[in-house]
Amino acid sequence: MSEYYIPDISELYVGFEYQSMCIENAHWGICKVEEDFATPPYLYEIENETIRVKYLDIDDIESLGFEYYKTHPGTTLMEFEKEVYELSYDPSFKGKQYLRICLEGDVDVTMFSGDIKNKSELKKLLKQLNIL
């Protein structure tokens, strides 16, 4: 699986992180969708593949305050912790970026279980769950 993908226009929202190709020096620059964005420039970039988004990875999860603590033997399933939360991440579960967030306790409570493609989606989810 590639490290990057071309986003769909429906994924973009204010604060969404992406990379844009600078044609002058053939360099990918990190950008965020600003409040005053208009759809046509993004459609142009998507159609010409001069915009890309990095798939979620370990560095993204750790940058949001989670600490890695183990990988399950014989699998790609990794576990992270932050305060009373546990995050399970499998970058190759059925070809998707599987993520599960639990509130730890005597009985773990699953707060989210599903596919998260990138850091912006995870950040938005963590805010909705009041973890960030």
N, C-alpha and C. Protein backbone atom coordinates (compact mmCIF):
# COMPACT_ATOMS: atom_id res chain seq x y z
N MET A 1 0.84 -1.17 0.00
CA MET A 1 0.00 0.00 0.00
C MET A 1 0.89 1.24 0.00
N SER A 2 0.51 2.24 -0.76
CA SER A 2 1.26 3.48 -0.84
C SER A 2 1.17 4.24 0.48
N GLU A 3 2.13 5.10 0.72
CA GLU A 3 2.15 5.92 1.93
C GLU A 3 1.19 7.11 1.82
N TYR A 4 0.79 7.45 0.59
CA TYR A 4 -0.07 8.61 0.33
C TYR A 4 -1.23 8.23 -0.57
N TYR A 5 -2.28 9.06 -0.56
CA TYR A 5 -3.40 8.88 -1.47
C TYR A 5 -3.91 10.25 -1.91
N ILE A 6 -4.64 10.25 -3.03
CA ILE A 6 -5.27 11.47 -3.53
C ILE A 6 -6.63 11.58 -2.85
N PRO A 7 -6.89 12.67 -2.12
CA PRO A 7 -8.17 12.77 -1.40
C PRO A 7 -9.34 13.04 -2.34
N ASP A 8 -10.50 12.72 -1.85
CA ASP A 8 -11.75 13.07 -2.51
C ASP A 8 -12.12 14.47 -2.00
N ILE A 9 -12.75 15.27 -2.84
CA ILE A 9 -13.12 16.64 -2.43
C ILE A 9 -13.98 16.64 -1.18
N SER A 10 -14.77 15.58 -0.97
CA SER A 10 -15.66 15.52 0.20
C SER A 10 -14.88 15.36 1.51
N GLU A 11 -13.62 14.96 1.46
CA GLU A 11 -12.81 14.81 2.66
C GLU A 11 -12.31 16.15 3.21
N LEU A 12 -12.25 17.17 2.36
CA LEU A 12 -11.64 18.44 2.76
C LEU A 12 -12.55 19.26 3.66
N TYR A 13 -11.97 19.83 4.69
CA TYR A 13 -12.67 20.74 5.60
C TYR A 13 -11.62 21.67 6.20
N VAL A 14 -12.07 22.75 6.81
CA VAL A 14 -11.14 23.71 7.40
C VAL A 14 -10.28 23.00 8.44
N GLY A 15 -8.97 23.12 8.29
CA GLY A 15 -8.01 22.50 9.20
C GLY A 15 -7.46 21.17 8.69
N PHE A 16 -8.01 20.65 7.60
CA PHE A 16 -7.56 19.38 7.03
C PHE A 16 -6.13 19.53 6.52
N GLU A 17 -5.24 18.61 6.91
CA GLU A 17 -3.84 18.65 6.51
C GLU A 17 -3.63 17.83 5.23
N TYR A 18 -2.84 18.38 4.31
CA TYR A 18 -2.53 17.70 3.06
C TYR A 18 -1.17 18.18 2.57
N GLN A 19 -0.70 17.59 1.49
CA GLN A 19 0.53 18.05 0.86
C GLN A 19 0.21 18.49 -0.56
N SER A 20 0.86 19.56 -0.99
CA SER A 20 0.65 20.10 -2.33
C SER A 20 1.99 20.17 -3.05
N MET A 21 1.97 19.83 -4.33
CA MET A 21 3.20 19.83 -5.13
C MET A 21 3.51 21.25 -5.59
N CYS A 22 4.71 21.70 -5.28
CA CYS A 22 5.20 22.98 -5.77
C CYS A 22 5.91 22.68 -7.10
N ILE A 23 5.30 23.09 -8.19
CA ILE A 23 5.80 22.76 -9.52
C ILE A 23 7.20 23.32 -9.77
N GLU A 24 7.49 24.52 -9.24
CA GLU A 24 8.78 25.17 -9.51
C GLU A 24 9.97 24.32 -9.08
N ASN A 25 9.87 23.68 -7.90
CA ASN A 25 11.02 22.90 -7.43
C ASN A 25 10.69 21.43 -7.18
N ALA A 26 9.55 20.98 -7.68
CA ALA A 26 9.11 19.58 -7.54
C ALA A 26 9.22 19.09 -6.09
N HIS A 27 8.70 19.90 -5.19
CA HIS A 27 8.76 19.60 -3.76
C HIS A 27 7.34 19.55 -3.20
N TRP A 28 7.07 18.57 -2.33
CA TRP A 28 5.78 18.48 -1.66
C TRP A 28 5.81 19.34 -0.40
N GLY A 29 4.90 20.31 -0.30
CA GLY A 29 4.81 21.16 0.88
C GLY A 29 3.60 20.81 1.71
N ILE A 30 3.72 20.91 3.03
CA ILE A 30 2.62 20.61 3.94
C ILE A 30 1.71 21.83 4.02
N CYS A 31 0.41 21.60 3.87
CA CYS A 31 -0.59 22.67 3.87
C CYS A 31 -1.79 22.28 4.72
N LYS A 32 -2.60 23.27 5.04
CA LYS A 32 -3.88 23.06 5.72
C LYS A 32 -4.95 23.80 4.95
N VAL A 33 -6.14 23.23 4.89
CA VAL A 33 -7.26 23.92 4.28
C VAL A 33 -7.60 25.11 5.17
N GLU A 34 -7.64 26.29 4.58
CA GLU A 34 -7.92 27.52 5.32
C GLU A 34 -9.41 27.84 5.30
N GLU A 35 -9.83 28.77 6.13
CA GLU A 35 -11.25 29.14 6.21
C GLU A 35 -11.79 29.66 4.90
N ASP A 36 -10.96 30.35 4.13
CA ASP A 36 -11.44 31.00 2.92
C ASP A 36 -11.21 30.14 1.67
N PHE A 37 -11.14 28.80 1.84
CA PHE A 37 -10.87 27.98 0.67
C PHE A 37 -12.09 27.93 -0.25
N ALA A 38 -11.81 27.80 -1.53
CA ALA A 38 -12.86 27.65 -2.53
C ALA A 38 -12.66 26.29 -3.19
N THR A 39 -13.73 25.63 -3.54
CA THR A 39 -13.67 24.28 -4.10
C THR A 39 -12.88 24.19 -5.40
N PRO A 40 -13.03 25.09 -6.38
CA PRO A 40 -12.34 24.89 -7.67
C PRO A 40 -10.83 24.67 -7.60
N PRO A 41 -10.06 25.42 -6.79
CA PRO A 41 -8.61 25.14 -6.76
C PRO A 41 -8.31 23.73 -6.29
N TYR A 42 -9.06 23.24 -5.33
CA TYR A 42 -8.84 21.89 -4.82
C TYR A 42 -9.23 20.84 -5.85
N LEU A 43 -10.31 21.08 -6.57
CA LEU A 43 -10.71 20.17 -7.65
C LEU A 43 -9.61 20.08 -8.70
N TYR A 44 -9.03 21.20 -9.05
CA TYR A 44 -7.94 21.23 -10.03
C TYR A 44 -6.76 20.40 -9.53
N GLU A 45 -6.38 20.61 -8.25
CA GLU A 45 -5.24 19.88 -7.68
C GLU A 45 -5.52 18.37 -7.62
N ILE A 46 -6.75 18.00 -7.28
CA ILE A 46 -7.12 16.59 -7.21
C ILE A 46 -7.06 15.97 -8.61
N GLU A 47 -7.66 16.64 -9.58
CA GLU A 47 -7.68 16.12 -10.95
C GLU A 47 -6.28 15.98 -11.53
N ASN A 48 -5.37 16.88 -11.16
CA ASN A 48 -4.00 16.85 -11.68
C ASN A 48 -3.03 16.12 -10.75
N GLU A 49 -3.56 15.55 -9.69
CA GLU A 49 -2.78 14.79 -8.71
C GLU A 49 -1.58 15.57 -8.16
N THR A 50 -1.80 16.86 -7.90
CA THR A 50 -0.77 17.69 -7.28
C THR A 50 -1.11 17.94 -5.81
N ILE A 51 -1.99 17.12 -5.28
CA ILE A 51 -2.37 17.15 -3.88
C ILE A 51 -2.36 15.70 -3.39
N ARG A 52 -1.90 15.49 -2.17
CA ARG A 52 -1.91 14.15 -1.62
C ARG A 52 -2.05 14.23 -0.10
N VAL A 53 -2.44 13.12 0.49
CA VAL A 53 -2.60 13.04 1.94
C VAL A 53 -1.85 11.80 2.41
N LYS A 54 -1.11 11.95 3.50
CA LYS A 54 -0.37 10.82 4.05
C LYS A 54 -1.33 9.95 4.86
N TYR A 55 -1.27 8.65 4.63
CA TYR A 55 -2.04 7.73 5.44
C TYR A 55 -1.59 7.82 6.89
N LEU A 56 -2.48 7.55 7.80
CA LEU A 56 -2.18 7.54 9.23
C LEU A 56 -1.01 6.60 9.50
N ASP A 57 -0.12 7.03 10.39
CA ASP A 57 0.99 6.16 10.78
C ASP A 57 1.32 6.37 12.26
N ILE A 58 2.31 5.64 12.73
CA ILE A 58 2.71 5.69 14.14
C ILE A 58 3.10 7.09 14.57
N ASP A 59 3.86 7.80 13.75
CA ASP A 59 4.29 9.16 14.10
C ASP A 59 3.08 10.07 14.32
N ASP A 60 2.04 9.93 13.50
CA ASP A 60 0.84 10.75 13.66
C ASP A 60 0.17 10.47 15.00
N ILE A 61 0.04 9.20 15.34
CA ILE A 61 -0.61 8.81 16.60
C ILE A 61 0.18 9.35 17.78
N GLU A 62 1.50 9.19 17.74
CA GLU A 62 2.34 9.69 18.84
C GLU A 62 2.32 11.21 18.91
N SER A 63 2.20 11.89 17.78
CA SER A 63 2.17 13.37 17.79
C SER A 63 0.90 13.90 18.46
N LEU A 64 -0.10 13.03 18.61
CA LEU A 64 -1.35 13.43 19.27
C LEU A 64 -1.38 13.00 20.74
N GLY A 65 -0.20 12.64 21.27
CA GLY A 65 -0.07 12.39 22.70
C GLY A 65 -0.15 10.95 23.14
N PHE A 66 -0.28 10.00 22.24
CA PHE A 66 -0.33 8.60 22.60
C PHE A 66 1.08 8.02 22.63
N GLU A 67 1.32 7.08 23.57
CA GLU A 67 2.62 6.44 23.67
C GLU A 67 2.49 4.98 23.26
N TYR A 68 3.38 4.57 22.36
CA TYR A 68 3.43 3.18 21.92
C TYR A 68 3.84 2.29 23.09
N TYR A 69 3.17 1.13 23.26
CA TYR A 69 3.66 0.22 24.28
C TYR A 69 3.80 -1.23 23.84
N LYS A 70 3.17 -1.68 22.73
CA LYS A 70 3.45 -3.04 22.28
C LYS A 70 2.87 -3.31 20.90
N THR A 71 3.43 -4.34 20.26
CA THR A 71 2.90 -4.90 19.02
C THR A 71 2.57 -6.35 19.32
N HIS A 72 1.40 -6.79 18.90
CA HIS A 72 1.00 -8.17 19.14
C HIS A 72 1.84 -9.10 18.26
N PRO A 73 2.46 -10.11 18.85
CA PRO A 73 3.34 -11.03 18.10
C PRO A 73 2.63 -11.65 16.88
N GLY A 74 3.36 -11.66 15.76
CA GLY A 74 2.84 -12.27 14.54
C GLY A 74 1.79 -11.45 13.81
N THR A 75 1.56 -10.20 14.25
CA THR A 75 0.56 -9.34 13.62
C THR A 75 1.16 -7.95 13.40
N THR A 76 0.37 -7.07 12.79
CA THR A 76 0.76 -5.66 12.65
C THR A 76 -0.05 -4.79 13.61
N LEU A 77 -0.78 -5.42 14.55
CA LEU A 77 -1.61 -4.69 15.51
C LEU A 77 -0.75 -4.09 16.62
N MET A 78 -0.81 -2.77 16.75
CA MET A 78 -0.02 -2.05 17.75
C MET A 78 -0.95 -1.42 18.78
N GLU A 79 -0.45 -1.27 19.99
CA GLU A 79 -1.21 -0.67 21.09
C GLU A 79 -0.51 0.60 21.56
N PHE A 80 -1.32 1.61 21.87
CA PHE A 80 -0.84 2.90 22.37
C PHE A 80 -1.68 3.28 23.58
N GLU A 81 -1.12 4.10 24.47
CA GLU A 81 -1.85 4.57 25.65
C GLU A 81 -1.74 6.08 25.77
N LYS A 82 -2.79 6.66 26.34
CA LYS A 82 -2.79 8.07 26.70
C LYS A 82 -3.78 8.21 27.86
N GLU A 83 -3.26 8.57 29.01
CA GLU A 83 -4.07 8.70 30.21
C GLU A 83 -4.89 7.43 30.43
N VAL A 84 -6.22 7.52 30.40
CA VAL A 84 -7.08 6.35 30.63
C VAL A 84 -7.56 5.72 29.32
N TYR A 85 -6.93 6.09 28.21
CA TYR A 85 -7.36 5.60 26.90
C TYR A 85 -6.35 4.65 26.29
N GLU A 86 -6.86 3.66 25.59
CA GLU A 86 -6.02 2.73 24.84
C GLU A 86 -6.43 2.83 23.37
N LEU A 87 -5.44 2.91 22.51
CA LEU A 87 -5.68 3.00 21.08
C LEU A 87 -5.01 1.80 20.42
N SER A 88 -5.79 1.02 19.68
CA SER A 88 -5.27 -0.11 18.91
C SER A 88 -5.23 0.30 17.46
N TYR A 89 -4.12 0.04 16.79
CA TYR A 89 -3.94 0.47 15.41
C TYR A 89 -3.34 -0.66 14.59
N ASP A 90 -4.00 -0.98 13.48
CA ASP A 90 -3.50 -1.99 12.57
C ASP A 90 -3.47 -1.39 11.17
N PRO A 91 -2.28 -1.05 10.65
CA PRO A 91 -2.19 -0.38 9.35
C PRO A 91 -2.53 -1.26 8.16
N SER A 92 -2.69 -2.56 8.37
CA SER A 92 -2.96 -3.44 7.22
C SER A 92 -4.13 -4.38 7.45
N PHE A 93 -5.09 -4.00 8.26
CA PHE A 93 -6.26 -4.83 8.54
C PHE A 93 -7.22 -4.79 7.36
N LYS A 94 -7.28 -5.87 6.62
CA LYS A 94 -8.17 -5.97 5.45
C LYS A 94 -7.99 -4.81 4.48
N GLY A 95 -6.72 -4.34 4.33
CA GLY A 95 -6.42 -3.27 3.39
C GLY A 95 -6.84 -1.89 3.85
N LYS A 96 -7.19 -1.75 5.11
CA LYS A 96 -7.61 -0.45 5.65
C LYS A 96 -6.76 -0.09 6.84
N GLN A 97 -6.96 1.13 7.33
CA GLN A 97 -6.25 1.62 8.51
C GLN A 97 -7.19 1.44 9.71
N TYR A 98 -7.21 0.26 10.31
CA TYR A 98 -8.13 -0.02 11.41
C TYR A 98 -7.66 0.64 12.70
N LEU A 99 -8.62 1.22 13.41
CA LEU A 99 -8.32 1.90 14.67
C LEU A 99 -9.43 1.61 15.66
N ARG A 100 -9.06 1.40 16.91
CA ARG A 100 -10.04 1.19 17.99
C ARG A 100 -9.57 2.01 19.18
N ILE A 101 -10.48 2.75 19.77
CA ILE A 101 -10.17 3.56 20.96
C ILE A 101 -11.06 3.07 22.09
N CYS A 102 -10.42 2.75 23.21
CA CYS A 102 -11.14 2.25 24.38
C CYS A 102 -10.86 3.10 25.60
N LEU A 103 -11.83 3.17 26.48
CA LEU A 103 -11.66 3.75 27.81
C LEU A 103 -11.30 2.58 28.70
N GLU A 104 -10.11 2.62 29.31
CA GLU A 104 -9.64 1.50 30.11
C GLU A 104 -10.29 1.51 31.48
N GLY A 105 -10.52 0.35 32.00
CA GLY A 105 -11.09 0.19 33.34
C GLY A 105 -11.21 -1.29 33.63
N ASP A 106 -12.06 -1.63 34.62
CA ASP A 106 -12.28 -3.05 34.92
C ASP A 106 -12.80 -3.76 33.68
N VAL A 107 -13.66 -3.09 32.94
CA VAL A 107 -14.16 -3.59 31.66
C VAL A 107 -13.90 -2.48 30.65
N ASP A 108 -13.09 -2.76 29.63
CA ASP A 108 -12.81 -1.73 28.62
C ASP A 108 -14.08 -1.38 27.86
N VAL A 109 -14.27 -0.08 27.61
CA VAL A 109 -15.42 0.41 26.86
C VAL A 109 -14.93 0.93 25.52
N THR A 110 -15.40 0.33 24.43
CA THR A 110 -15.01 0.78 23.10
C THR A 110 -15.73 2.07 22.77
N MET A 111 -14.96 3.13 22.50
CA MET A 111 -15.52 4.43 22.16
C MET A 111 -15.59 4.62 20.64
N PHE A 112 -14.69 3.93 19.92
CA PHE A 112 -14.67 3.99 18.46
C PHE A 112 -14.00 2.74 17.93
N SER A 113 -14.50 2.25 16.81
CA SER A 113 -13.89 1.14 16.11
C SER A 113 -14.18 1.32 14.63
N GLY A 114 -13.12 1.45 13.82
CA GLY A 114 -13.36 1.66 12.40
C GLY A 114 -12.11 2.05 11.64
N ASP A 115 -12.33 2.55 10.43
CA ASP A 115 -11.25 2.92 9.50
C ASP A 115 -10.95 4.41 9.62
N ILE A 116 -9.72 4.75 9.91
CA ILE A 116 -9.26 6.14 9.96
C ILE A 116 -8.10 6.25 8.98
N LYS A 117 -8.25 7.10 7.96
CA LYS A 117 -7.26 7.16 6.89
C LYS A 117 -6.07 8.07 7.17
N ASN A 118 -6.27 9.14 7.96
CA ASN A 118 -5.19 10.12 8.09
C ASN A 118 -5.23 10.82 9.44
N LYS A 119 -4.19 11.61 9.71
CA LYS A 119 -4.05 12.31 10.98
C LYS A 119 -5.18 13.31 11.21
N SER A 120 -5.61 14.01 10.16
CA SER A 120 -6.70 14.99 10.32
C SER A 120 -7.98 14.32 10.80
N GLU A 121 -8.30 13.14 10.24
CA GLU A 121 -9.49 12.41 10.67
C GLU A 121 -9.36 11.97 12.12
N LEU A 122 -8.17 11.48 12.51
CA LEU A 122 -7.96 11.04 13.89
C LEU A 122 -8.07 12.21 14.85
N LYS A 123 -7.48 13.33 14.50
CA LYS A 123 -7.53 14.52 15.35
C LYS A 123 -8.98 14.98 15.55
N LYS A 124 -9.75 14.98 14.48
CA LYS A 124 -11.16 15.37 14.55
C LYS A 124 -11.93 14.40 15.45
N LEU A 125 -11.69 13.10 15.30
CA LEU A 125 -12.35 12.09 16.13
C LEU A 125 -11.99 12.27 17.60
N LEU A 126 -10.71 12.47 17.89
CA LEU A 126 -10.28 12.64 19.29
C LEU A 126 -10.93 13.86 19.93
N LYS A 127 -11.14 14.92 19.15
CA LYS A 127 -11.83 16.11 19.68
C LYS A 127 -13.30 15.78 19.95
N GLN A 128 -13.93 15.02 19.05
CA GLN A 128 -15.33 14.64 19.26
C GLN A 128 -15.50 13.76 20.49
N LEU A 129 -14.50 12.94 20.78
CA LEU A 129 -14.55 12.05 21.94
C LEU A 129 -14.04 12.74 23.21
N ASN A 130 -13.70 14.01 23.13
CA ASN A 130 -13.15 14.80 24.24
C ASN A 130 -11.86 14.21 24.81
N ILE A 131 -11.04 13.65 23.91
CA ILE A 131 -9.74 13.13 24.32
C ILE A 131 -8.66 14.19 24.06
N LEU A 132 -8.88 15.06 23.09
CA LEU A 132 -7.97 16.19 22.82
C LEU A 132 -8.61 17.47 23.28
